Amino acid sequence: MERARFGAWDVPAVLLPRTYAAAIQRAGGIALMLPPDSAAATAPDEALDRLDALLLAGGVDLDPASHGAAPHPESAPTDPERDRFELALATRALERGLPLLGICRGMQALNVAAGGTLVQHLPDAIGHDGHRPTPGLFAEHEVSLRPGSLAARAAGAERLTVKTHHHQGVDAIGTGLEASGWSVGDEVVESIEGPGPGFALGVLWHPEEDEQAGTPLLEALVRAATANEEE
């Protein structure tokens, strides 16, 4: 939910970078965008019944109140309507075992939906801004994934270079989730996942922005969605 200018218009809009849809399509899936919906936030099954998998995209900071924190001076303006909608979808998707991938903000939303908390400004905790050195431009760093984890299997590697753009991260990890990936050098948690046989995964990087390295992860989501459809 952002204000956008296009043609003669300057209006609030429901936006998604095209890289998300393109990445899902390359992986063999069909992308559907869900705008925030107050009715679906109250009864998320009505929306989830129509989906084979759920992807939570990047975006603005989650409202600190959603995980019991006071706003940090570096916190960006939040979107409570989107927060309520996505947290409801994530909570119910976890309960249903619907394949779920959270990207950047989406990983943070997954963690909060499971009762976890967030570090609101990583530079305070790690002493540098290497995960978002220039707002509006993706940076790169290496990530180490736990051998045998869902993250490693989905990415097709235990160590990879990723594209990153975030200033927040996970703090306390939500109930039923576990850390499975860390940034090389500062040990920021870069992936979280459910320990069971299903597909519940959050990554702090942006696989949709990296056609070569990111495609295997989206393909893994589409495979999980296909299996979900066939059940």
C-alpha atoms as a PDB file:
ATOM      1  CA  MET A   1       0.000   0.000   0.000  1.00  0.00           C
ATOM      2  CA  GLU A   2       1.876   3.055  -1.289  1.00  0.00           C
ATOM      3  CA  ARG A   3       1.108   6.365  -2.916  1.00  0.00           C
ATOM      4  CA  ALA A   4       2.097   6.103  -6.569  1.00  0.00           C
ATOM      5  CA  ARG A   5       2.302   8.338  -9.620  1.00  0.00           C
ATOM      6  CA  PHE A   6       1.511   6.942 -13.072  1.00  0.00           C
ATOM      7  CA  GLY A   7       0.222   8.793 -16.113  1.00  0.00           C
ATOM      8  CA  ALA A   8      -1.957  11.628 -14.878  1.00  0.00           C
ATOM      9  CA  TRP A   9      -2.637   9.918 -11.542  1.00  0.00           C
ATOM     10  CA  ASP A  10      -1.151  10.410  -8.077  1.00  0.00           C
ATOM     11  CA  VAL A  11      -3.133   8.088  -5.813  1.00  0.00           C
ATOM     12  CA  PRO A  12      -2.842   5.398  -3.126  1.00  0.00           C
ATOM     13  CA  ALA A  13      -2.084   2.107  -4.884  1.00  0.00           C
ATOM     14  CA  VAL A  14      -1.588  -1.579  -4.162  1.00  0.00           C
ATOM     15  CA  LEU A  15       1.933  -2.244  -5.452  1.00  0.00           C
ATOM     16  CA  LEU A  16       4.196  -5.229  -5.969  1.00  0.00           C
ATOM     17  CA  PRO A  17       7.578  -5.051  -7.719  1.00  0.00           C
ATOM     18  CA  ARG A  18       7.306  -7.004 -10.945  1.00  0.00           C
ATOM     19  CA  THR A  19      10.359  -9.061  -9.983  1.00  0.00           C
ATOM     20  CA  TYR A  20       8.172 -11.110  -7.589  1.00  0.00           C
ATOM     21  CA  ALA A  21       5.667 -12.125 -10.260  1.00  0.00           C
ATOM     22  CA  ALA A  22       8.420 -12.734 -12.809  1.00  0.00           C
ATOM     23  CA  ALA A  23      10.338 -14.973 -10.392  1.00  0.00           C
ATOM     24  CA  ILE A  24       7.236 -17.039  -9.593  1.00  0.00           C
ATOM     25  CA  GLN A  25       6.399 -17.349 -13.277  1.00  0.00           C
ATOM     26  CA  ARG A  26       9.948 -18.461 -14.130  1.00  0.00           C
ATOM     27  CA  ALA A  27       9.582 -21.111 -11.452  1.00  0.00           C
ATOM     28  CA  GLY A  28       6.401 -22.426 -13.101  1.00  0.00           C
ATOM     29  CA  GLY A  29       3.804 -20.840 -10.834  1.00  0.00           C
ATOM     30  CA  ILE A  30       0.999 -18.343 -11.319  1.00  0.00           C
ATOM     31  CA  ALA A  31       1.243 -15.220  -9.164  1.00  0.00           C
ATOM     32  CA  LEU A  32      -1.882 -13.673  -7.641  1.00  0.00           C
ATOM     33  CA  MET A  33      -1.642 -10.463  -5.610  1.00  0.00           C
ATOM     34  CA  LEU A  34      -3.867 -10.031  -2.550  1.00  0.00           C
ATOM     35  CA  PRO A  35      -4.548  -6.436  -1.471  1.00  0.00           C
ATOM     36  CA  PRO A  36      -5.042  -5.882   2.271  1.00  0.00           C
ATOM     37  CA  ASP A  37      -8.586  -6.868   3.163  1.00  0.00           C
ATOM     38  CA  SER A  38     -10.175  -6.290   6.565  1.00  0.00           C
ATOM     39  CA  ALA A  39     -12.701  -9.118   6.109  1.00  0.00           C
ATOM     40  CA  ALA A  40      -9.972 -11.587   5.146  1.00  0.00           C
ATOM     41  CA  ALA A  41      -7.883 -10.402   8.096  1.00  0.00           C
ATOM     42  CA  THR A  42     -10.744 -11.548  10.328  1.00  0.00           C
ATOM     43  CA  ALA A  43     -11.477 -14.752   8.383  1.00  0.00           C
ATOM     44  CA  PRO A  44      -8.285 -15.623   6.420  1.00  0.00           C
ATOM     45  CA  ASP A  45      -9.453 -19.092   5.350  1.00  0.00           C
ATOM     46  CA  GLU A  46     -11.669 -17.552   2.689  1.00  0.00           C
ATOM     47  CA  ALA A  47      -8.565 -16.232   0.923  1.00  0.00           C
ATOM     48  CA  LEU A  48      -6.264 -19.161   1.724  1.00  0.00           C
ATOM     49  CA  ASP A  49      -8.778 -21.700   0.377  1.00  0.00           C
ATOM     50  CA  ARG A  50      -8.074 -20.284  -3.078  1.00  0.00           C
ATOM     51  CA  LEU A  51      -4.272 -20.593  -2.868  1.00  0.00           C
ATOM     52  CA  ASP A  52      -1.767 -23.431  -3.205  1.00  0.00           C
ATOM     53  CA  ALA A  53       0.950 -21.444  -1.393  1.00  0.00           C
ATOM     54  CA  LEU A  54       1.482 -18.052   0.221  1.00  0.00           C
ATOM     55  CA  LEU A  55       4.389 -15.665  -0.370  1.00  0.00           C
ATOM     56  CA  LEU A  56       4.802 -12.670   1.945  1.00  0.00           C
ATOM     57  CA  ALA A  57       6.747  -9.963   0.131  1.00  0.00           C
ATOM     58  CA  GLY A  58       9.137  -7.266   1.323  1.00  0.00           C
ATOM     59  CA  GLY A  59       8.080  -3.743   2.205  1.00  0.00           C
ATOM     60  CA  VAL A  60       7.811  -1.240   5.024  1.00  0.00           C
ATOM     61  CA  ASP A  61       8.622  -1.974   8.658  1.00  0.00           C
ATOM     62  CA  LEU A  62       6.114  -3.909  10.725  1.00  0.00           C
ATOM     63  CA  ASP A  63       4.376  -1.853  13.397  1.00  0.00           C
ATOM     64  CA  PRO A  64       6.520  -2.305  16.538  1.00  0.00           C
ATOM     65  CA  ALA A  65       3.308  -2.753  18.536  1.00  0.00           C
ATOM     66  CA  SER A  66       2.712  -6.015  16.638  1.00  0.00           C
ATOM     67  CA  HIS A  67       5.554  -7.584  18.620  1.00  0.00           C
ATOM     68  CA  GLY A  68       5.210  -5.595  21.827  1.00  0.00           C
ATOM     69  CA  ALA A  69       7.873  -2.948  21.193  1.00  0.00           C
ATOM     70  CA  ALA A  70       7.952   0.833  21.257  1.00  0.00           C
ATOM     71  CA  PRO A  71       8.910   2.604  18.006  1.00  0.00           C
ATOM     72  CA  HIS A  72      12.621   3.037  17.326  1.00  0.00           C
ATOM     73  CA  PRO A  73      13.824   6.432  15.992  1.00  0.00           C
ATOM     74  CA  GLU A  74      14.857   4.680  12.766  1.00  0.00           C
ATOM     75  CA  SER A  75      11.512   2.926  12.295  1.00  0.00           C
ATOM     76  CA  ALA A  76       9.861   3.801   8.995  1.00  0.00           C
ATOM     77  CA  PRO A  77       6.170   4.710   8.687  1.00  0.00           C
ATOM     78  CA  THR A  78       4.139   1.530   9.078  1.00  0.00           C
ATOM     79  CA  ASP A  79       1.020   0.141   7.415  1.00  0.00           C
ATOM     80  CA  PRO A  80      -1.210  -1.335  10.153  1.00  0.00           C
ATOM     81  CA  GLU A  81      -3.831  -2.477   7.627  1.00  0.00           C
ATOM     82  CA  ARG A  82      -1.250  -4.554   5.756  1.00  0.00           C
ATOM     83  CA  ASP A  83       0.201  -5.828   9.043  1.00  0.00           C
ATOM     84  CA  ARG A  84      -3.155  -7.135  10.283  1.00  0.00           C
ATOM     85  CA  PHE A  85      -3.873  -8.812   6.962  1.00  0.00           C
ATOM     86  CA  GLU A  86      -0.490 -10.483   6.499  1.00  0.00           C
ATOM     87  CA  LEU A  87      -0.140 -11.593  10.122  1.00  0.00           C
ATOM     88  CA  ALA A  88      -3.579 -13.198   9.951  1.00  0.00           C
ATOM     89  CA  LEU A  89      -2.704 -14.967   6.694  1.00  0.00           C
ATOM     90  CA  ALA A  90       0.657 -16.150   8.034  1.00  0.00           C
ATOM     91  CA  THR A  91      -0.807 -17.402  11.310  1.00  0.00           C
ATOM     92  CA  ARG A  92      -3.502 -19.408   9.587  1.00  0.00           C
ATOM     93  CA  ALA A  93      -1.178 -20.676   6.847  1.00  0.00           C
ATOM     94  CA  LEU A  94       1.126 -22.086   9.524  1.00  0.00           C
ATOM     95  CA  GLU A  95      -1.834 -23.740  11.254  1.00  0.00           C
ATOM     96  CA  ARG A  96      -3.054 -25.260   7.991  1.00  0.00           C
ATOM     97  CA  GLY A  97       0.351 -26.366   6.764  1.00  0.00           C
ATOM     98  CA  LEU A  98      -0.050 -24.262   3.614  1.00  0.00           C
ATOM     99  CA  PRO A  99       3.338 -23.789   1.889  1.00  0.00           C
ATOM    100  CA  LEU A 100       4.634 -20.404   3.004  1.00  0.00           C
ATOM    101  CA  LEU A 101       7.634 -18.304   1.979  1.00  0.00           C
ATOM    102  CA  GLY A 102       8.408 -14.991   3.665  1.00  0.00           C
ATOM    103  CA  ILE A 103      10.870 -12.646   1.959  1.00  0.00           C
ATOM    104  CA  CYS A 104      12.604  -9.884   3.983  1.00  0.00           C
ATOM    105  CA  ARG A 105       9.649  -8.144   5.688  1.00  0.00           C
ATOM    106  CA  GLY A 106       7.784 -11.378   4.971  1.00  0.00           C
ATOM    107  CA  MET A 107      10.284 -13.356   7.058  1.00  0.00           C
ATOM    108  CA  GLN A 108       9.835 -10.816   9.851  1.00  0.00           C
ATOM    109  CA  ALA A 109       6.037 -11.139   9.567  1.00  0.00           C
ATOM    110  CA  LEU A 110       6.330 -14.931   9.729  1.00  0.00           C
ATOM    111  CA  ASN A 111       8.372 -14.639  12.924  1.00  0.00           C
ATOM    112  CA  VAL A 112       5.945 -12.173  14.534  1.00  0.00           C
ATOM    113  CA  ALA A 113       2.964 -14.323  13.528  1.00  0.00           C
ATOM    114  CA  ALA A 114       4.564 -17.172  15.478  1.00  0.00           C
ATOM    115  CA  GLY A 115       5.001 -14.959  18.550  1.00  0.00           C
ATOM    116  CA  GLY A 116       8.576 -13.829  17.900  1.00  0.00           C
ATOM    117  CA  THR A 117      10.081 -10.355  18.126  1.00  0.00           C
ATOM    118  CA  LEU A 118      12.256  -8.146  15.940  1.00  0.00           C
ATOM    119  CA  VAL A 119      15.449  -6.121  16.188  1.00  0.00           C
ATOM    120  CA  GLN A 120      14.170  -2.772  14.965  1.00  0.00           C
ATOM    121  CA  HIS A 121      17.498  -1.354  13.774  1.00  0.00           C
ATOM    122  CA  LEU A 122      20.286  -3.854  13.124  1.00  0.00           C
ATOM    123  CA  PRO A 123      23.147  -1.314  13.074  1.00  0.00           C
ATOM    124  CA  ASP A 124      22.513  -0.813  16.803  1.00  0.00           C
ATOM    125  CA  ALA A 125      23.101  -4.536  17.374  1.00  0.00           C
ATOM    126  CA  ILE A 126      25.873  -5.348  14.892  1.00  0.00           C
ATOM    127  CA  GLY A 127      27.674  -2.025  14.538  1.00  0.00           C
ATOM    128  CA  HIS A 128      27.364  -1.524  10.768  1.00  0.00           C
ATOM    129  CA  ASP A 129      24.789  -0.886   8.044  1.00  0.00           C
ATOM    130  CA  GLY A 130      26.060  -3.467   5.559  1.00  0.00           C
ATOM    131  CA  HIS A 131      22.651  -5.067   5.136  1.00  0.00           C
ATOM    132  CA  ARG A 132      21.283  -1.786   3.723  1.00  0.00           C
ATOM    133  CA  PRO A 133      24.173   0.575   3.097  1.00  0.00           C
ATOM    134  CA  THR A 134      22.238   2.658   0.560  1.00  0.00           C
ATOM    135  CA  PRO A 135      18.442   2.832   0.876  1.00  0.00           C
ATOM    136  CA  GLY A 136      16.888   2.038  -2.489  1.00  0.00           C
ATOM    137  CA  LEU A 137      19.798  -0.103  -3.708  1.00  0.00           C
ATOM    138  CA  PHE A 138      20.365  -3.794  -3.041  1.00  0.00           C
ATOM    139  CA  ALA A 139      23.613  -4.800  -1.372  1.00  0.00           C
ATOM    140  CA  GLU A 140      25.225  -8.260  -1.419  1.00  0.00           C
ATOM    141  CA  HIS A 141      26.704 -10.488   1.269  1.00  0.00           C
ATOM    142  CA  GLU A 142      27.250 -14.176   1.921  1.00  0.00           C
ATOM    143  CA  VAL A 143      24.875 -16.435   3.841  1.00  0.00           C
ATOM    144  CA  SER A 144      25.650 -19.784   5.450  1.00  0.00           C
ATOM    145  CA  LEU A 145      22.758 -22.273   5.645  1.00  0.00           C
ATOM    146  CA  ARG A 146      22.567 -25.212   8.016  1.00  0.00           C
ATOM    147  CA  PRO A 147      23.295 -28.487   6.167  1.00  0.00           C
ATOM    148  CA  GLY A 148      20.113 -30.454   5.551  1.00  0.00           C
ATOM    149  CA  SER A 149      17.830 -27.551   6.424  1.00  0.00           C
ATOM    150  CA  LEU A 150      14.809 -26.598   4.335  1.00  0.00           C
ATOM    151  CA  ALA A 151      16.608 -23.356   3.458  1.00  0.00           C
ATOM    152  CA  ALA A 152      19.671 -25.220   2.141  1.00  0.00           C
ATOM    153  CA  ARG A 153      17.573 -27.737   0.217  1.00  0.00           C
ATOM    154  CA  ALA A 154      15.413 -25.002  -1.302  1.00  0.00           C
ATOM    155  CA  ALA A 155      18.376 -22.791  -2.232  1.00  0.00           C
ATOM    156  CA  GLY A 156      20.364 -25.750  -3.557  1.00  0.00           C
ATOM    157  CA  ALA A 157      23.461 -24.690  -1.597  1.00  0.00           C
ATOM    158  CA  GLU A 158      24.782 -24.328   1.928  1.00  0.00           C
ATOM    159  CA  ARG A 159      26.577 -21.062   1.195  1.00  0.00           C
ATOM    160  CA  LEU A 160      25.520 -18.404  -1.274  1.00  0.00           C
ATOM    161  CA  THR A 161      25.798 -14.719  -2.063  1.00  0.00           C
ATOM    162  CA  VAL A 162      22.469 -12.941  -1.670  1.00  0.00           C
ATOM    163  CA  LYS A 163      20.921  -9.570  -2.433  1.00  0.00           C
ATOM    164  CA  THR A 164      19.860  -7.699   0.677  1.00  0.00           C
ATOM    165  CA  HIS A 165      18.009  -4.531   1.667  1.00  0.00           C
ATOM    166  CA  HIS A 166      16.833  -4.378   5.284  1.00  0.00           C
ATOM    167  CA  HIS A 167      17.581  -2.643   8.558  1.00  0.00           C
ATOM    168  CA  GLN A 168      15.521  -4.950  10.780  1.00  0.00           C
ATOM    169  CA  GLY A 169      15.849  -8.623  11.666  1.00  0.00           C
ATOM    170  CA  VAL A 170      14.576 -11.316  13.995  1.00  0.00           C
ATOM    171  CA  ASP A 171      15.304 -11.219  17.718  1.00  0.00           C
ATOM    172  CA  ALA A 172      13.432 -13.878  19.708  1.00  0.00           C
ATOM    173  CA  ILE A 173      12.399 -16.609  17.287  1.00  0.00           C
ATOM    174  CA  GLY A 174       8.717 -17.508  17.190  1.00  0.00           C
ATOM    175  CA  THR A 175       7.241 -20.682  18.624  1.00  0.00           C
ATOM    176  CA  GLY A 176       7.623 -23.659  16.303  1.00  0.00           C
ATOM    177  CA  LEU A 177      10.301 -21.970  14.184  1.00  0.00           C
ATOM    178  CA  GLU A 178      14.082 -22.338  14.206  1.00  0.00           C
ATOM    179  CA  ALA A 179      17.002 -20.458  12.716  1.00  0.00           C
ATOM    180  CA  SER A 180      18.659 -22.177   9.762  1.00  0.00           C
ATOM    181  CA  GLY A 181      20.813 -19.497   8.101  1.00  0.00           C
ATOM    182  CA  TRP A 182      23.173 -16.727   9.160  1.00  0.00           C
ATOM    183  CA  SER A 183      25.013 -13.927   7.402  1.00  0.00           C
ATOM    184  CA  VAL A 184      28.738 -14.590   7.174  1.00  0.00           C
ATOM    185  CA  GLY A 185      30.726 -12.247   9.385  1.00  0.00           C
ATOM    186  CA  ASP A 186      28.060 -10.879  11.738  1.00  0.00           C
ATOM    187  CA  GLU A 187      25.790 -13.912  12.348  1.00  0.00           C
ATOM    188  CA  VAL A 188      22.512 -12.095  11.669  1.00  0.00           C
ATOM    189  CA  VAL A 189      19.768 -14.711  11.345  1.00  0.00           C
ATOM    190  CA  GLU A 190      19.021 -14.893   7.614  1.00  0.00           C
ATOM    191  CA  SER A 191      16.534 -17.771   7.469  1.00  0.00           C
ATOM    192  CA  ILE A 192      13.950 -19.304   9.767  1.00  0.00           C
ATOM    193  CA  GLU A 193      11.810 -22.355   9.138  1.00  0.00           C
ATOM    194  CA  GLY A 194       9.361 -24.799  10.614  1.00  0.00           C
ATOM    195  CA  PRO A 195      11.017 -28.016  11.780  1.00  0.00           C
ATOM    196  CA  GLY A 196       8.369 -30.328  10.314  1.00  0.00           C
ATOM    197  CA  PRO A 197       8.059 -31.881   6.855  1.00  0.00           C
ATOM    198  CA  GLY A 198       6.042 -28.996   5.395  1.00  0.00           C
ATOM    199  CA  PHE A 199       7.278 -25.838   3.643  1.00  0.00           C
ATOM    200  CA  ALA A 200       7.365 -22.912   6.073  1.00  0.00           C
ATOM    201  CA  LEU A 201      10.411 -20.767   5.317  1.00  0.00           C
ATOM    202  CA  GLY A 202      11.471 -17.174   5.794  1.00  0.00           C
ATOM    203  CA  VAL A 203      14.558 -15.614   4.203  1.00  0.00           C
ATOM    204  CA  LEU A 204      15.851 -12.144   4.970  1.00  0.00           C
ATOM    205  CA  TRP A 205      17.338 -11.698   1.500  1.00  0.00           C
ATOM    206  CA  HIS A 206      15.596 -11.088  -1.849  1.00  0.00           C
ATOM    207  CA  PRO A 207      15.698 -14.181  -4.104  1.00  0.00           C
ATOM    208  CA  GLU A 208      13.302 -12.538  -6.556  1.00  0.00           C
ATOM    209  CA  GLU A 209      16.007  -9.996  -7.395  1.00  0.00           C
ATOM    210  CA  ASP A 210      18.566 -12.643  -8.409  1.00  0.00           C
ATOM    211  CA  GLU A 211      17.427 -14.709 -11.373  1.00  0.00           C
ATOM    212  CA  GLN A 212      20.331 -17.143 -11.200  1.00  0.00           C
ATOM    213  CA  ALA A 213      20.784 -17.740  -7.468  1.00  0.00           C
ATOM    214  CA  GLY A 214      17.202 -17.016  -6.428  1.00  0.00           C
ATOM    215  CA  THR A 215      15.302 -19.206  -8.891  1.00  0.00           C
ATOM    216  CA  PRO A 216      15.883 -22.539  -7.067  1.00  0.00           C
ATOM    217  CA  LEU A 217      14.225 -21.186  -3.931  1.00  0.00           C
ATOM    218  CA  LEU A 218      11.127 -20.059  -5.834  1.00  0.00           C
ATOM    219  CA  GLU A 219      11.069 -23.372  -7.678  1.00  0.00           C
ATOM    220  CA  ALA A 220      11.029 -25.140  -4.314  1.00  0.00           C
ATOM    221  CA  LEU A 221       7.993 -23.079  -3.286  1.00  0.00           C
ATOM    222  CA  VAL A 222       6.208 -23.920  -6.536  1.00  0.00           C
ATOM    223  CA  ARG A 223       6.955 -27.641  -6.046  1.00  0.00           C
ATOM    224  CA  ALA A 224       5.475 -27.423  -2.559  1.00  0.00           C
ATOM    225  CA  ALA A 225       2.445 -25.591  -3.988  1.00  0.00           C
ATOM    226  CA  THR A 226       1.992 -28.275  -6.648  1.00  0.00           C
ATOM    227  CA  ALA A 227       2.136 -31.011  -4.019  1.00  0.00           C
ATOM    228  CA  ASN A 228      -0.382 -29.065  -1.918  1.00  0.00           C
ATOM    229  CA  GLU A 229      -2.742 -28.786  -4.906  1.00  0.00           C
ATOM    230  CA  GLU A 230      -2.552 -32.535  -5.534  1.00  0.00           C
ATOM    231  CA  GLU A 231      -3.434 -33.484  -1.959  1.00  0.00           C
END
